[in-house]
C-alpha atoms as a PDB file:
ATOM      1  CA  MET A   1      99.832-293.823  28.659  1.00  0.00           C
ATOM      2  CA  ASN A   2     100.286-290.273  30.002  1.00  0.00           C
ATOM      3  CA  ASN A   3     104.032-290.749  30.229  1.00  0.00           C
ATOM      4  CA  ARG A   4     104.204-291.965  26.637  1.00  0.00           C
ATOM      5  CA  ILE A   5     102.363-288.880  25.278  1.00  0.00           C
ATOM      6  CA  PHE A   6     104.547-286.582  27.364  1.00  0.00           C
ATOM      7  CA  LEU A   7     107.709-288.313  26.093  1.00  0.00           C
ATOM      8  CA  ILE A   8     106.566-288.011  22.465  1.00  0.00           C
ATOM      9  CA  PHE A   9     105.810-284.310  23.036  1.00  0.00           C
ATOM     10  CA  LEU A  10     109.331-283.763  24.429  1.00  0.00           C
ATOM     11  CA  LEU A  11     110.946-285.520  21.482  1.00  0.00           C
ATOM     12  CA  VAL A  12     108.873-283.832  18.771  1.00  0.00           C
ATOM     13  CA  THR A  13     109.127-280.239  20.085  1.00  0.00           C
ATOM     14  CA  PRO A  14     112.831-279.705  19.143  1.00  0.00           C
ATOM     15  CA  LEU A  15     112.194-281.192  15.715  1.00  0.00           C
ATOM     16  CA  ILE A  16     109.339-278.770  15.083  1.00  0.00           C
ATOM     17  CA  VAL A  17     111.525-275.828  16.154  1.00  0.00           C
ATOM     18  CA  ILE A  18     114.433-276.901  13.928  1.00  0.00           C
ATOM     19  CA  ILE A  19     112.212-277.535  10.910  1.00  0.00           C
ATOM     20  CA  GLY A  20     110.351-274.248  11.422  1.00  0.00           C
ATOM     21  CA  SER A  21     113.525-272.164  11.727  1.00  0.00           C
ATOM     22  CA  THR A  22     115.091-273.874   8.699  1.00  0.00           C
ATOM     23  CA  LEU A  23     112.016-273.165   6.602  1.00  0.00           C
ATOM     24  CA  ALA A  24     111.908-269.542   7.757  1.00  0.00           C
ATOM     25  CA  PHE A  25     115.572-269.077   6.855  1.00  0.00           C
ATOM     26  CA  ASN A  26     115.267-270.743   3.450  1.00  0.00           C
ATOM     27  CA  LEU A  27     112.117-268.825   2.556  1.00  0.00           C
ATOM     28  CA  GLY A  28     113.850-265.524   3.333  1.00  0.00           C
ATOM     29  CA  TYR A  29     111.838-264.486   6.377  1.00  0.00           C
ATOM     30  CA  SER A  30     113.739-261.716   8.127  1.00  0.00           C
ATOM     31  CA  PRO A  31     113.121-258.294   9.659  1.00  0.00           C
ATOM     32  CA  GLU A  32     112.370-255.528   7.168  1.00  0.00           C
ATOM     33  CA  ASN A  33     115.040-253.113   8.384  1.00  0.00           C
ATOM     34  CA  THR A  34     117.277-252.375  11.343  1.00  0.00           C
ATOM     35  CA  LYS A  35     116.138-250.982  14.666  1.00  0.00           C
ATOM     36  CA  ASN A  36     118.871-248.381  15.035  1.00  0.00           C
ATOM     37  CA  ASN A  37     118.173-244.658  15.128  1.00  0.00           C
ATOM     38  CA  GLY A  38     121.273-243.506  13.263  1.00  0.00           C
ATOM     39  CA  THR A  39     122.019-243.620   9.563  1.00  0.00           C
ATOM     40  CA  PHE A  40     124.591-246.016   8.159  1.00  0.00           C
ATOM     41  CA  PHE A  41     127.117-244.831   5.617  1.00  0.00           C
ATOM     42  CA  ASP A  42     126.465-246.341   2.177  1.00  0.00           C
ATOM     43  CA  SER A  43     129.306-248.719   2.978  1.00  0.00           C
ATOM     44  CA  TYR A  44     131.548-248.570   5.997  1.00  0.00           C
ATOM     45  CA  PHE A  45     135.062-247.363   5.285  1.00  0.00           C
ATOM     46  CA  GLU A  46     138.423-247.661   6.948  1.00  0.00           C
ATOM     47  CA  VAL A  47     139.612-244.369   8.375  1.00  0.00           C
ATOM     48  CA  ASN A  48     143.215-243.794   7.381  1.00  0.00           C
ATOM     49  CA  PRO A  49     144.960-242.860  10.653  1.00  0.00           C
ATOM     50  CA  ARG A  50     147.548-240.814   8.756  1.00  0.00           C
ATOM     51  CA  SER A  51     144.816-238.499   7.490  1.00  0.00           C
ATOM     52  CA  LEU A  52     143.857-237.402  11.033  1.00  0.00           C
ATOM     53  CA  VAL A  53     146.739-235.681  12.826  1.00  0.00           C
ATOM     54  CA  ASP A  54     146.527-233.730  16.084  1.00  0.00           C
ATOM     55  CA  GLU A  55     148.321-230.478  16.856  1.00  0.00           C
ATOM     56  CA  SER A  56     151.415-232.256  18.211  1.00  0.00           C
ATOM     57  CA  GLY A  57     151.786-234.205  14.955  1.00  0.00           C
ATOM     58  CA  SER A  58     150.674-237.618  16.206  1.00  0.00           C
ATOM     59  CA  VAL A  59     148.042-239.592  14.312  1.00  0.00           C
ATOM     60  CA  ILE A  60     144.770-240.901  15.693  1.00  0.00           C
ATOM     61  CA  GLU A  61     145.048-244.339  17.280  1.00  0.00           C
ATOM     62  CA  PHE A  62     142.453-247.078  17.128  1.00  0.00           C
ATOM     63  CA  GLU A  63     144.396-249.659  19.160  1.00  0.00           C
ATOM     64  CA  ASP A  64     142.950-248.475  22.484  1.00  0.00           C
ATOM     65  CA  GLY A  65     139.649-250.324  21.937  1.00  0.00           C
ATOM     66  CA  LYS A  66     137.497-247.200  22.232  1.00  0.00           C
ATOM     67  CA  TRP A  67     134.593-246.158  20.069  1.00  0.00           C
ATOM     68  CA  VAL A  68     134.925-242.681  18.588  1.00  0.00           C
ATOM     69  CA  LEU A  69     132.239-240.007  18.403  1.00  0.00           C
ATOM     70  CA  GLY A  70     133.247-237.143  16.199  1.00  0.00           C
ATOM     71  CA  VAL A  71     132.205-233.926  14.540  1.00  0.00           C
ATOM     72  CA  TYR A  72     133.662-232.686  11.271  1.00  0.00           C
ATOM     73  CA  TYR A  73     133.876-228.910  11.296  1.00  0.00           C
ATOM     74  CA  ASN A  74     132.546-227.224   8.197  1.00  0.00           C
ATOM     75  CA  ASN A  75     132.613-223.439   8.268  1.00  0.00           C
ATOM     76  CA  ASP A  76     129.003-222.875   7.287  1.00  0.00           C
ATOM     77  CA  LEU A  77     127.428-225.199   9.875  1.00  0.00           C
ATOM     78  CA  ASN A  78     126.476-224.574  13.459  1.00  0.00           C
ATOM     79  CA  PHE A  79     128.423-227.423  15.038  1.00  0.00           C
ATOM     80  CA  GLU A  80     128.191-226.164  18.629  1.00  0.00           C
ATOM     81  CA  ASN A  81     125.022-228.190  19.222  1.00  0.00           C
ATOM     82  CA  ALA A  82     126.769-231.350  17.987  1.00  0.00           C
ATOM     83  CA  LEU A  83     129.640-230.776  20.431  1.00  0.00           C
ATOM     84  CA  TYR A  84     127.163-230.202  23.240  1.00  0.00           C
ATOM     85  CA  VAL A  85     125.257-233.408  22.418  1.00  0.00           C
ATOM     86  CA  MET A  86     128.523-235.374  22.302  1.00  0.00           C
ATOM     87  CA  ARG A  87     129.491-234.102  25.747  1.00  0.00           C
ATOM     88  CA  GLN A  88     126.078-234.950  27.200  1.00  0.00           C
ATOM     89  CA  LEU A  89     126.182-238.444  25.686  1.00  0.00           C
ATOM     90  CA  ASN A  90     129.614-239.013  27.161  1.00  0.00           C
ATOM     91  CA  VAL A  91     128.356-238.065  30.622  1.00  0.00           C
ATOM     92  CA  ALA A  92     125.181-240.135  30.241  1.00  0.00           C
ATOM     93  CA  LEU A  93     127.155-243.298  29.500  1.00  0.00           C
ATOM     94  CA  ASN A  94     128.039-243.553  33.219  1.00  0.00           C
ATOM     95  CA  ARG A  95     130.310-246.559  33.729  1.00  0.00           C
ATOM     96  CA  ASP A  96     130.918-246.931  29.990  1.00  0.00           C
ATOM     97  CA  ILE A  97     132.371-243.423  29.788  1.00  0.00           C
ATOM     98  CA  PHE A  98     135.899-244.767  29.260  1.00  0.00           C
ATOM     99  CA  LYS A  99     134.853-246.885  26.259  1.00  0.00           C
ATOM    100  CA  LEU A 100     134.280-243.774  24.156  1.00  0.00           C
ATOM    101  CA  LYS A 101     136.402-240.855  23.058  1.00  0.00           C
ATOM    102  CA  ARG A 102     135.262-237.637  21.456  1.00  0.00           C
ATOM    103  CA  ILE A 103     137.085-236.027  18.572  1.00  0.00           C
ATOM    104  CA  PHE A 104     136.768-232.827  16.609  1.00  0.00           C
ATOM    105  CA  VAL A 105     138.028-232.938  13.023  1.00  0.00           C
ATOM    106  CA  GLN A 106     138.828-229.740  11.166  1.00  0.00           C
ATOM    107  CA  SER A 107     140.087-228.986   7.725  1.00  0.00           C
ATOM    108  CA  LYS A 108     143.183-226.858   7.315  1.00  0.00           C
ATOM    109  CA  SER A 109     141.121-224.307   5.402  1.00  0.00           C
ATOM    110  CA  PHE A 110     138.524-223.872   8.180  1.00  0.00           C
ATOM    111  CA  GLN A 111     139.639-223.039  11.701  1.00  0.00           C
ATOM    112  CA  PRO A 112     136.934-222.695  14.387  1.00  0.00           C
ATOM    113  CA  ASN A 113     136.810-220.170  17.170  1.00  0.00           C
ATOM    114  CA  ALA A 114     139.339-221.249  19.817  1.00  0.00           C
ATOM    115  CA  GLN A 115     137.125-219.958  22.653  1.00  0.00           C
ATOM    116  CA  LEU A 116     134.315-222.231  21.530  1.00  0.00           C
ATOM    117  CA  LEU A 117     136.505-225.322  21.754  1.00  0.00           C
ATOM    118  CA  GLU A 118     137.617-224.322  25.257  1.00  0.00           C
ATOM    119  CA  ASP A 119     133.983-224.648  26.341  1.00  0.00           C
ATOM    120  CA  PHE A 120     134.201-228.377  25.540  1.00  0.00           C
ATOM    121  CA  PRO A 121     137.141-229.824  27.478  1.00  0.00           C
ATOM    122  CA  ARG A 122     138.587-233.305  26.938  1.00  0.00           C
ATOM    123  CA  ILE A 123     137.778-233.320  23.263  1.00  0.00           C
ATOM    124  CA  GLU A 124     140.640-234.325  21.005  1.00  0.00           C
ATOM    125  CA  ILE A 125     141.246-232.015  18.045  1.00  0.00           C
ATOM    126  CA  PHE A 126     142.512-233.463  14.764  1.00  0.00           C
ATOM    127  CA  ASN A 127     143.360-231.883  11.430  1.00  0.00           C
ATOM    128  CA  ASP A 128     142.211-233.566   8.233  1.00  0.00           C
ATOM    129  CA  VAL A 129     145.462-233.797   6.305  1.00  0.00           C
ATOM    130  CA  ASN A 130     144.971-233.391   2.540  1.00  0.00           C
ATOM    131  CA  ASP A 131     141.182-233.632   3.087  1.00  0.00           C
ATOM    132  CA  GLY A 132     141.404-237.432   3.014  1.00  0.00           C
ATOM    133  CA  PHE A 133     138.726-238.001   5.641  1.00  0.00           C
ATOM    134  CA  ILE A 134     136.212-235.550   4.170  1.00  0.00           C
ATOM    135  CA  ASN A 135     136.644-237.194   0.760  1.00  0.00           C
ATOM    136  CA  GLN A 136     135.848-240.596   2.262  1.00  0.00           C
ATOM    137  CA  ILE A 137     132.731-239.212   3.964  1.00  0.00           C
ATOM    138  CA  GLU A 138     131.482-237.562   0.770  1.00  0.00           C
ATOM    139  CA  LYS A 139     132.132-240.729  -1.235  1.00  0.00           C
ATOM    140  CA  ASN A 140     130.127-242.916   1.182  1.00  0.00           C
ATOM    141  CA  THR A 141     127.084-240.721   1.805  1.00  0.00           C
ATOM    142  CA  THR A 142     125.021-237.973   0.241  1.00  0.00           C
ATOM    143  CA  ASP A 143     124.275-234.627   1.878  1.00  0.00           C
ATOM    144  CA  TYR A 144     126.372-235.365   4.971  1.00  0.00           C
ATOM    145  CA  PHE A 145     127.260-231.709   5.400  1.00  0.00           C
ATOM    146  CA  SER A 146     123.737-230.354   4.931  1.00  0.00           C
ATOM    147  CA  THR A 147     123.233-230.353   8.728  1.00  0.00           C
ATOM    148  CA  PRO A 148     125.583-230.836  11.688  1.00  0.00           C
ATOM    149  CA  ARG A 149     126.136-234.545  12.248  1.00  0.00           C
ATOM    150  CA  ILE A 150     127.964-236.806  14.676  1.00  0.00           C
ATOM    151  CA  PHE A 151     129.826-239.733  13.154  1.00  0.00           C
ATOM    152  CA  VAL A 152     130.730-243.016  14.854  1.00  0.00           C
ATOM    153  CA  ILE A 153     133.974-244.935  14.310  1.00  0.00           C
ATOM    154  CA  ASP A 154     134.319-248.439  15.743  1.00  0.00           C
ATOM    155  CA  PRO A 155     137.385-249.584  17.744  1.00  0.00           C
ATOM    156  CA  TYR A 156     138.948-251.029  14.582  1.00  0.00           C
ATOM    157  CA  GLY A 157     138.931-247.715  12.715  1.00  0.00           C
ATOM    158  CA  ARG A 158     135.874-248.195  10.504  1.00  0.00           C
ATOM    159  CA  ALA A 159     133.385-245.345  10.141  1.00  0.00           C
ATOM    160  CA  VAL A 160     130.014-247.054  10.284  1.00  0.00           C
ATOM    161  CA  MET A 161     127.210-244.604  10.994  1.00  0.00           C
ATOM    162  CA  PHE A 162     126.242-241.049  11.837  1.00  0.00           C
ATOM    163  CA  PHE A 163     123.538-239.208  13.736  1.00  0.00           C
ATOM    164  CA  ASP A 164     121.855-235.904  13.042  1.00  0.00           C
ATOM    165  CA  ALA A 165     122.888-233.527  15.843  1.00  0.00           C
ATOM    166  CA  SER A 166     119.280-232.355  16.241  1.00  0.00           C
ATOM    167  CA  MET A 167     118.094-235.912  16.991  1.00  0.00           C
ATOM    168  CA  ASP A 168     116.826-236.694  20.478  1.00  0.00           C
ATOM    169  CA  PRO A 169     119.948-237.545  22.532  1.00  0.00           C
ATOM    170  CA  LYS A 170     118.060-240.357  24.268  1.00  0.00           C
ATOM    171  CA  LEU A 171     117.747-242.163  20.939  1.00  0.00           C
ATOM    172  CA  ILE A 172     121.451-241.717  20.234  1.00  0.00           C
ATOM    173  CA  LEU A 173     122.284-242.953  23.735  1.00  0.00           C
ATOM    174  CA  LYS A 174     120.124-246.011  23.187  1.00  0.00           C
ATOM    175  CA  ASP A 175     122.109-246.885  20.056  1.00  0.00           C
ATOM    176  CA  LEU A 176     125.442-246.237  21.771  1.00  0.00           C
ATOM    177  CA  LYS A 177     124.577-248.532  24.657  1.00  0.00           C
ATOM    178  CA  VAL A 178     123.855-251.308  22.159  1.00  0.00           C
ATOM    179  CA  LEU A 179     127.143-250.672  20.349  1.00  0.00           C
ATOM    180  CA  ILE A 180     129.331-250.336  23.409  1.00  0.00           C
END
């Protein structure tokens, strides 16, 4: 008798799980919102590689499989903290350090202090040709340039989210470790 009850329990348990999960799905039970600390763009957008050109004239490449952390330089913002946070995040990634590259995007009309960029080595500098990238950012979010922010581009060239540069770097690192 004990074996029969145990066998029935084993056979009924998967059925209960399947029926319960199907009901939960059909009734719309799901988490209220995401657990990430960053802010998603209104809709992700493809970054046109031809709009970001470095000083040697070559365009940004997304074929290397690396995530991109970047800062868009706007003349009236204090972006030095964002560059500092990006450098610290890169170091804190430890063994995943080579899965991420850091970029600095500037408009032709605004040129930052060259000495300041020398304080942050191994950051790739790109020019926003015809302001194509800034137009995409402004179209997909509101008040992006109200404070210094760090944007994230996935390995396929889609800008997906951004972080406020004044946010706790541990929270940003937590999100990056999930992404990478």
